[in-house]
Amino acid sequence: MYKIAKATFRNRGSSVASLFCYLQTRSISRQSKVVKTKTMVEKEDMNVTRVLFCGPHFPNSNNFTREYLQPYPFIQVDVVPIPEVPEMKLIMQYGVGLEGVDIDAATKYGIKVARIPSEGTGNAASCSEMAIYLMLGLLKKQNEMQISVRSRLLGVPAGDTLFGKTVFILGYGNIGRELAKRLKPFESRVIATKRSWTASINDSDSSLVDEKGSHEDIYTFAGKADIVVVCLTLNKETADVVNNKFICSMKKGALLINISRGGLINYESTYENLESGHLGGLGIDVAWSEPFDPNDPILKFKNVIITPHVAGVTEYSYLSMAKIVGDVALQLHEGLPLTGIEFVN
């Protein structure tokens, strides 16, 4: 049982903390620390479906889900340490990214893996707002403004504006579309790359982009942009895609924003280009290792803003996703088809 959990949750330091799994109470091992709950259920002769959130991070995910499921006593929500996760029926991400799950191992043991699509839940909108926040924070020189406040200085530093800037959206998916919508009122020029434009982009969405390209165009587009926003999904093909070649292709002084996953950007290349002054600023909501080390030397730069992986953590998005989680638990309990989620195996 523990071997299954270890094989499936291979990277305990990743976003796996926000994962959860479903199982029927009667399948729980008596060696687990949840035996007491199982015994109580057996006494009441109630068939309980349990939702287990694995790991301590992103606590609002389980809090909102528990609140949504309060009227349903036959659905039980618990938080367990990853090593204590019993045999599972479904692994589901409270959000989009699944890089913390060994999908092959889950498939081998007959465990379904799914995620909540970002579209329609508020997640994509929330992440796009964070991208705007990070862009404005760097353009207006947020860190230097705080120094001025502490130093009782007025009128410094001189900031910049999104007006007229060319923004390159690297990975034009759900978040990219929401970001493009929000950039239009700023009168920014939007360029974007996507592996395929024909299948999922309708006319109204496509009109938000001033210039479209494919993955092969990323270096050319990087050279045209004042700001690059990374919105790609992390996988074997995209890991370290923002490497030294990519950053050196960017304009001198351009800004780099990442609201997707830390592994998309090469740390050493980013640090070296900040130090040389080629990279004009870095704004990230995701990091190379999380939780982020507050003593990381990259924080010495005034033109670096880091937020603690909260782009999609809003009350609206978490309530929306809690409803999906709760509805899936109810469907699973009743043996109904599971809706509102996207299976990957």
Protein backbone atom coordinates (compact mmCIF):
# COMPACT_ATOMS: atom_id res chain seq x y z
CA MET A 1 0.00 0.00 0.00
CA TYR A 2 2.69 2.48 0.97
CA LYS A 3 4.66 1.42 -2.10
CA ILE A 4 1.73 2.52 -4.23
CA ALA A 5 1.63 5.88 -2.51
CA LYS A 6 5.39 6.35 -2.85
CA ALA A 7 5.38 5.38 -6.50
CA THR A 8 2.49 7.64 -7.33
CA PHE A 9 3.59 10.66 -5.31
CA ARG A 10 7.21 10.65 -6.44
CA ASN A 11 7.97 14.30 -5.67
CA ARG A 12 6.80 15.24 -2.21
CA GLY A 13 8.20 18.76 -2.53
CA SER A 14 6.13 19.64 -5.59
CA SER A 15 2.52 20.69 -6.03
CA VAL A 16 1.51 17.23 -4.88
CA ALA A 17 0.50 18.90 -1.63
CA SER A 18 -2.68 20.06 -3.27
CA LEU A 19 -3.61 16.63 -4.56
CA PHE A 20 -6.33 14.52 -3.11
CA CYS A 21 -7.67 11.03 -3.61
CA TYR A 22 -10.96 9.24 -3.20
CA LEU A 23 -11.56 5.84 -1.69
CA GLN A 24 -14.34 3.85 -0.11
CA THR A 25 -13.96 3.59 3.66
CA ARG A 26 -14.23 -0.21 3.67
CA SER A 27 -11.03 -0.54 1.64
CA ILE A 28 -8.81 1.22 4.19
CA SER A 29 -5.95 -0.80 5.64
CA ARG A 30 -6.22 -1.54 9.35
CA GLN A 31 -2.59 -0.44 9.64
CA SER A 32 -3.58 3.11 8.69
CA LYS A 33 -4.12 5.78 11.32
CA VAL A 34 -7.69 6.19 10.07
CA VAL A 35 -8.78 2.81 11.49
CA LYS A 36 -10.69 4.62 14.23
CA THR A 37 -12.83 6.42 11.68
CA LYS A 38 -13.44 3.16 9.81
CA THR A 39 -14.60 1.43 12.97
CA MET A 40 -17.03 4.25 13.75
CA VAL A 41 -18.44 4.02 10.25
CA GLU A 42 -18.89 0.26 10.52
CA LYS A 43 -20.77 0.70 13.79
CA GLU A 44 -23.17 3.10 12.13
CA ASP A 45 -23.35 0.81 9.08
CA MET A 46 -22.92 3.82 6.78
CA ASN A 47 -21.14 3.55 3.46
CA VAL A 48 -18.80 6.54 3.54
CA THR A 49 -16.79 7.97 0.66
CA ARG A 50 -13.65 9.71 1.83
CA VAL A 51 -11.83 12.60 0.20
CA LEU A 52 -8.20 12.66 1.30
CA PHE A 53 -6.07 15.76 0.80
CA CYS A 54 -2.45 14.74 0.79
CA GLY A 55 0.06 17.01 2.49
CA PRO A 56 -0.11 20.25 4.50
CA HIS A 57 0.12 22.97 1.83
CA PHE A 58 -2.70 24.96 0.16
CA PRO A 59 -5.00 24.50 3.19
CA ASN A 60 -7.91 26.40 1.65
CA SER A 61 -8.42 23.59 -0.84
CA ASN A 62 -9.56 21.18 1.88
CA ASN A 63 -11.29 23.88 3.95
CA PHE A 64 -13.53 25.02 1.11
CA THR A 65 -14.23 21.43 0.03
CA ARG A 66 -15.15 20.42 3.57
CA GLU A 67 -17.48 23.40 3.84
CA TYR A 68 -19.18 22.54 0.53
CA LEU A 69 -19.72 18.91 1.62
CA GLN A 70 -21.00 19.67 5.13
CA PRO A 71 -24.62 18.78 4.24
CA TYR A 72 -23.53 15.30 3.13
CA PRO A 73 -22.45 13.21 6.15
CA PHE A 74 -21.64 10.22 3.95
CA ILE A 75 -18.74 12.18 2.39
CA GLN A 76 -15.80 12.63 4.77
CA VAL A 77 -12.94 15.07 4.10
CA ASP A 78 -9.57 14.46 5.75
CA VAL A 79 -5.99 15.67 5.48
CA VAL A 80 -3.29 13.01 5.73
CA PRO A 81 0.50 12.99 5.46
CA ILE A 82 1.57 11.63 2.08
CA PRO A 83 3.20 8.43 3.51
CA GLU A 84 -0.11 7.50 5.13
CA VAL A 85 -2.23 7.66 1.99
CA PRO A 86 -4.12 4.36 1.66
CA GLU A 87 -5.07 2.59 -1.54
CA MET A 88 -6.78 5.01 -3.90
CA LYS A 89 -9.49 5.05 -6.54
CA LEU A 90 -8.86 8.49 -8.00
CA ILE A 91 -6.02 10.99 -7.80
CA MET A 92 -7.23 14.45 -8.62
CA GLN A 93 -5.40 17.74 -8.69
CA TYR A 94 -7.09 20.69 -6.99
CA GLY A 95 -6.20 22.71 -10.05
CA VAL A 96 -4.43 22.02 -13.34
CA GLY A 97 -0.78 20.95 -12.96
CA LEU A 98 -0.08 17.21 -12.61
CA GLU A 99 3.72 17.20 -12.74
CA GLY A 100 3.83 15.97 -9.12
CA VAL A 101 2.02 12.73 -10.00
CA ASP A 102 3.63 9.69 -11.57
CA ILE A 103 0.78 9.04 -13.99
CA ASP A 104 2.40 5.85 -15.31
CA ALA A 105 2.61 4.39 -11.79
CA ALA A 106 -0.99 5.37 -11.06
CA THR A 107 -2.11 3.76 -14.31
CA LYS A 108 -0.16 0.60 -13.48
CA TYR A 109 -2.11 0.23 -10.23
CA GLY A 110 -5.46 1.02 -11.86
CA ILE A 111 -5.78 4.48 -10.30
CA LYS A 112 -7.44 7.14 -12.41
CA VAL A 113 -5.78 10.58 -12.53
CA ALA A 114 -7.67 13.79 -13.27
CA ARG A 115 -7.43 17.54 -12.94
CA ILE A 116 -9.83 20.46 -12.76
CA PRO A 117 -9.81 22.51 -15.97
CA SER A 118 -8.81 26.14 -15.38
CA GLU A 119 -11.52 27.45 -17.71
CA GLY A 120 -14.80 28.32 -16.04
CA THR A 121 -13.59 27.90 -12.46
CA GLY A 122 -11.98 31.30 -12.01
CA ASN A 123 -8.52 29.74 -11.91
CA ALA A 124 -7.43 31.03 -15.32
CA ALA A 125 -8.84 34.48 -14.59
CA SER A 126 -7.08 34.60 -11.21
CA CYS A 127 -3.75 33.55 -12.71
CA SER A 128 -4.02 36.14 -15.48
CA GLU A 129 -4.67 38.84 -12.86
CA MET A 130 -1.52 37.76 -11.03
CA ALA A 131 0.44 38.14 -14.26
CA ILE A 132 -0.86 41.71 -14.57
CA TYR A 133 0.04 42.35 -10.92
CA LEU A 134 3.61 41.10 -11.41
CA MET A 135 4.03 43.10 -14.62
CA LEU A 136 2.84 46.31 -12.97
CA GLY A 137 4.90 45.61 -9.86
CA LEU A 138 8.07 45.41 -11.94
CA LEU A 139 7.17 48.30 -14.23
CA LYS A 140 6.33 50.58 -11.32
CA LYS A 141 9.38 49.29 -9.37
CA GLN A 142 7.49 48.02 -6.36
CA ASN A 143 10.53 47.09 -4.28
CA GLU A 144 12.22 50.45 -4.90
CA MET A 145 9.00 52.29 -4.01
CA GLN A 146 9.01 50.62 -0.63
CA ILE A 147 12.60 51.77 -0.10
CA SER A 148 11.50 55.33 -0.94
CA VAL A 149 8.65 55.12 1.56
CA ARG A 150 11.01 53.95 4.32
CA SER A 151 13.49 56.68 3.34
CA ARG A 152 10.78 59.40 3.34
CA LEU A 153 11.44 60.17 -0.34
CA LEU A 154 8.81 61.53 -2.72
CA GLY A 155 8.59 61.24 -6.51
CA VAL A 156 11.09 58.39 -6.91
CA PRO A 157 11.56 55.94 -8.50
CA ALA A 158 10.38 56.77 -12.01
CA GLY A 159 8.30 53.82 -13.17
CA ASP A 160 7.03 52.62 -16.52
CA THR A 161 3.65 51.70 -18.01
CA LEU A 162 1.97 48.80 -19.80
CA PHE A 163 0.69 51.24 -22.39
CA GLY A 164 2.22 50.42 -25.77
CA LYS A 165 4.25 47.48 -24.47
CA THR A 166 4.55 44.28 -26.50
CA VAL A 167 3.65 41.30 -24.32
CA PHE A 168 4.63 37.80 -25.46
CA ILE A 169 2.33 35.09 -24.06
CA LEU A 170 4.37 31.89 -24.20
CA GLY A 171 1.65 29.21 -24.30
CA TYR A 172 -1.72 30.57 -25.39
CA GLY A 173 -4.12 28.35 -23.46
CA ASN A 174 -6.92 29.19 -21.02
CA ILE A 175 -4.73 31.47 -18.90
CA GLY A 176 -3.19 33.06 -21.97
CA ARG A 177 -6.61 33.95 -23.36
CA GLU A 178 -7.73 35.49 -20.08
CA LEU A 179 -4.49 37.46 -19.94
CA ALA A 180 -4.92 38.74 -23.50
CA LYS A 181 -8.42 39.98 -22.61
CA ARG A 182 -7.03 41.97 -19.69
CA LEU A 183 -4.14 43.44 -21.64
CA LYS A 184 -6.37 45.05 -24.28
CA PRO A 185 -7.59 47.90 -22.00
CA PHE A 186 -3.93 48.75 -21.32
CA GLU A 187 -3.45 49.14 -25.10
CA SER A 188 -0.63 46.63 -25.06
CA ARG A 189 0.36 44.70 -28.17
CA VAL A 190 -0.15 40.97 -27.63
CA ILE A 191 1.87 38.31 -29.43
CA ALA A 192 1.54 34.63 -28.58
CA THR A 193 2.73 31.15 -29.48
CA LYS A 194 0.77 27.92 -29.38
CA ARG A 195 1.48 24.49 -30.84
CA SER A 196 -1.83 24.47 -32.71
CA TRP A 197 -4.20 27.38 -33.32
CA THR A 198 -6.88 25.62 -35.32
CA ALA A 199 -8.53 23.28 -32.82
CA SER A 200 -9.45 25.45 -29.85
CA ILE A 201 -9.22 29.14 -30.71
CA ASN A 202 -12.41 30.76 -32.00
CA ASP A 203 -12.54 34.02 -33.93
CA SER A 204 -13.20 36.26 -30.93
CA ASP A 205 -10.32 34.75 -28.94
CA SER A 206 -7.99 34.90 -31.92
CA SER A 207 -8.66 38.61 -32.43
CA LEU A 208 -7.14 39.31 -29.02
CA VAL A 209 -3.70 38.41 -30.41
CA ASP A 210 -1.90 40.79 -32.74
CA GLU A 211 0.59 38.21 -33.95
CA LYS A 212 0.39 34.43 -33.66
CA GLY A 213 3.21 31.91 -33.88
CA SER A 214 4.06 28.28 -33.23
CA HIS A 215 6.52 26.78 -30.77
CA GLU A 216 9.28 27.12 -33.37
CA ASP A 217 8.86 30.92 -33.22
CA ILE A 218 9.52 31.37 -29.50
CA TYR A 219 13.01 32.86 -29.90
CA THR A 220 11.87 35.28 -32.59
CA PHE A 221 8.91 36.36 -30.47
CA ALA A 222 11.14 36.71 -27.39
CA GLY A 223 13.19 39.25 -29.33
CA LYS A 224 10.10 41.34 -30.10
CA ALA A 225 8.68 41.51 -26.58
CA ASP A 226 9.06 44.01 -23.78
CA ILE A 227 7.51 41.45 -21.42
CA VAL A 228 7.45 37.64 -21.65
CA VAL A 229 4.76 35.80 -19.68
CA VAL A 230 5.23 32.04 -19.32
CA CYS A 231 1.89 30.19 -19.40
CA LEU A 232 3.00 26.75 -20.58
CA THR A 233 2.20 23.40 -19.01
CA LEU A 234 5.26 21.73 -17.49
CA ASN A 235 6.20 18.41 -19.08
CA LYS A 236 9.29 16.68 -20.47
CA GLU A 237 9.19 18.81 -23.61
CA THR A 238 8.77 22.18 -21.90
CA ALA A 239 11.07 21.78 -18.86
CA ASP A 240 13.78 24.49 -18.92
CA VAL A 241 12.31 25.95 -22.11
CA VAL A 242 13.24 29.42 -20.84
CA ASN A 243 16.96 28.73 -20.87
CA ASN A 244 20.00 30.87 -21.61
CA LYS A 245 19.31 30.78 -25.35
CA PHE A 246 15.77 32.00 -24.81
CA ILE A 247 16.69 34.76 -22.32
CA CYS A 248 19.55 35.98 -24.52
CA SER A 249 17.00 36.18 -27.37
CA MET A 250 14.96 38.65 -25.32
CA LYS A 251 15.44 42.40 -25.60
CA LYS A 252 17.92 43.86 -23.15
CA GLY A 253 15.88 45.14 -20.22
CA ALA A 254 12.78 43.03 -20.99
CA LEU A 255 10.78 41.55 -18.13
CA LEU A 256 10.17 37.84 -17.48
CA ILE A 257 6.97 36.68 -15.73
CA ASN A 258 6.15 33.09 -14.73
CA ILE A 259 2.72 32.12 -13.41
CA SER A 260 2.82 28.51 -14.54
CA ARG A 261 5.51 26.22 -13.04
CA GLY A 262 9.01 26.90 -11.77
CA GLY A 263 10.60 24.12 -13.81
CA LEU A 264 9.89 25.97 -17.06
CA ILE A 265 12.65 28.50 -16.33
CA ASN A 266 16.31 27.67 -15.86
CA TYR A 267 17.47 29.14 -12.56
CA GLU A 268 21.17 29.63 -13.38
CA SER A 269 20.43 31.39 -16.67
CA THR A 270 17.89 33.64 -15.00
CA TYR A 271 20.26 34.58 -12.18
CA GLU A 272 23.18 35.27 -14.53
CA ASN A 273 21.08 37.48 -16.82
CA LEU A 274 19.70 39.44 -13.87
CA GLU A 275 23.24 39.97 -12.62
CA SER A 276 24.49 41.11 -16.03
CA GLY A 277 21.55 43.46 -16.44
CA HIS A 278 20.34 41.83 -19.66
CA LEU A 279 17.13 40.74 -17.93
CA GLY A 280 15.24 43.81 -16.79
CA GLY A 281 13.19 42.11 -14.10
CA LEU A 282 11.72 38.83 -12.88
CA GLY A 283 8.22 38.31 -11.49
CA ILE A 284 7.29 34.77 -10.48
CA ASP A 285 4.47 33.15 -8.55
CA VAL A 286 6.11 29.73 -8.88
CA ALA A 287 9.67 28.75 -8.04
CA TRP A 288 12.28 26.11 -8.73
CA SER A 289 11.73 24.59 -5.31
CA GLU A 290 8.73 25.24 -3.11
CA PRO A 291 8.28 26.55 -0.48
CA PHE A 292 10.75 29.14 -1.75
CA ASP A 293 13.94 29.70 0.23
CA PRO A 294 13.72 33.24 1.71
CA ASN A 295 17.52 33.33 1.74
CA ASP A 296 17.86 32.55 -1.97
CA PRO A 297 20.47 34.92 -3.46
CA ILE A 298 18.15 35.82 -6.34
CA LEU A 299 16.21 37.98 -3.87
CA LYS A 300 19.13 40.41 -3.64
CA PHE A 301 17.99 41.99 -6.89
CA LYS A 302 15.60 44.94 -6.53
CA ASN A 303 13.92 43.98 -9.80
CA VAL A 304 12.70 40.59 -8.55
CA ILE A 305 9.20 40.01 -7.19
CA ILE A 306 8.23 36.58 -5.88
CA THR A 307 4.80 35.58 -4.61
CA PRO A 308 4.06 32.28 -2.77
CA HIS A 309 2.21 30.27 -5.46
CA VAL A 310 -1.06 32.12 -4.91
CA ALA A 311 -1.99 33.13 -8.48
CA GLY A 312 -4.94 30.74 -8.53
CA VAL A 313 -5.65 30.91 -4.80
CA THR A 314 -8.68 33.19 -4.60
CA GLU A 315 -11.94 32.72 -2.78
CA TYR A 316 -13.84 32.59 -6.07
CA SER A 317 -11.62 29.98 -7.72
CA TYR A 318 -11.34 27.82 -4.60
CA LEU A 319 -15.08 27.85 -3.99
CA SER A 320 -15.62 26.89 -7.64
CA MET A 321 -13.11 24.06 -7.44
CA ALA A 322 -14.46 22.93 -4.08
CA LYS A 323 -17.86 22.50 -5.72
CA ILE A 324 -16.31 20.37 -8.47
CA VAL A 325 -14.44 18.26 -5.90
CA GLY A 326 -17.58 17.86 -3.82
CA ASP A 327 -19.74 16.98 -6.82
CA VAL A 328 -17.21 14.38 -7.97
CA ALA A 329 -17.19 12.86 -4.46
CA LEU A 330 -20.99 12.65 -4.54
CA GLN A 331 -20.95 11.12 -8.02
CA LEU A 332 -18.32 8.61 -6.98
CA HIS A 333 -20.33 7.70 -3.90
CA GLU A 334 -23.46 7.09 -5.99
CA GLY A 335 -21.59 5.24 -8.73
CA LEU A 336 -22.46 7.90 -11.31
CA PRO A 337 -20.27 9.11 -14.22
CA LEU A 338 -17.75 11.72 -13.04
CA THR A 339 -18.23 15.16 -14.58
CA GLY A 340 -16.45 18.51 -14.49
CA ILE A 341 -12.95 17.02 -14.49
CA GLU A 342 -10.40 16.05 -17.12
CA PHE A 343 -8.93 12.56 -17.03
CA VAL A 344 -5.36 12.06 -18.24
CA ASN A 345 -5.16 8.26 -18.17
